[in-house]
C-alpha cells in the first residue's frame, strides 16, 4: 500500500476487442494486457512514486511475460492519462534503463508507454477486483529486479517516498 493511493481497479487495456472478458484476454487474441488502474491524490503521492512502484514491482525487461506467466496479456506497460504523465513516464524509463545497466543488467526495458487516448481501459470482472482480499490468494509470478530509480531522479520529480 502506498499512502495517497485511494483505489485500484484491475482491468484490460491497449487491445482491439471492445469489452473483453478474462477468458478472451487469456487467449492472447484481443491484444489487451492485464493492468491495474490507480486512483491517487497527487498532493499526497507524486506520479514519480507510482513510477518507482511500477519499475520495482516486476522485471520490465521480460517482454510478453512476467515470471511463469507468458503471453501478450502479461506485457509491461504504462498507460498515461495526461501529457505530463507521458513525458515523466518516458523519462523514468530512460532513468531506470540506466540504473539497470549500472547494476549489470544486459537486457533492455520492453515496457510500452502509451500517450493519453492511445489505449482504452476496460474493467475486469468483479471476481478479479480486490482479488487478494477476496480469496487470500496472493499468487504473483513477477520477478522484481531489485533495482530502484535513482534517488536524485526521484527527488527532482517531487517523489515523497
Foldseek 3Di string as FASTA:
>chain_A
DAPFWDDKFKWWKDFQDPQDAPVRVLVQPRLIAIDMDIDGDCVRFPLLNVLQCLQFPFPQQPAQAFAPGGHVNHHAEAEDQAPVSLVLNVVQQVQVQVQCVVVPDDGHGPYYYHHRPNMDIDTYDPCPTVVCVVPVDPDDRGDGPPTGRDPVSCVVRPGDD
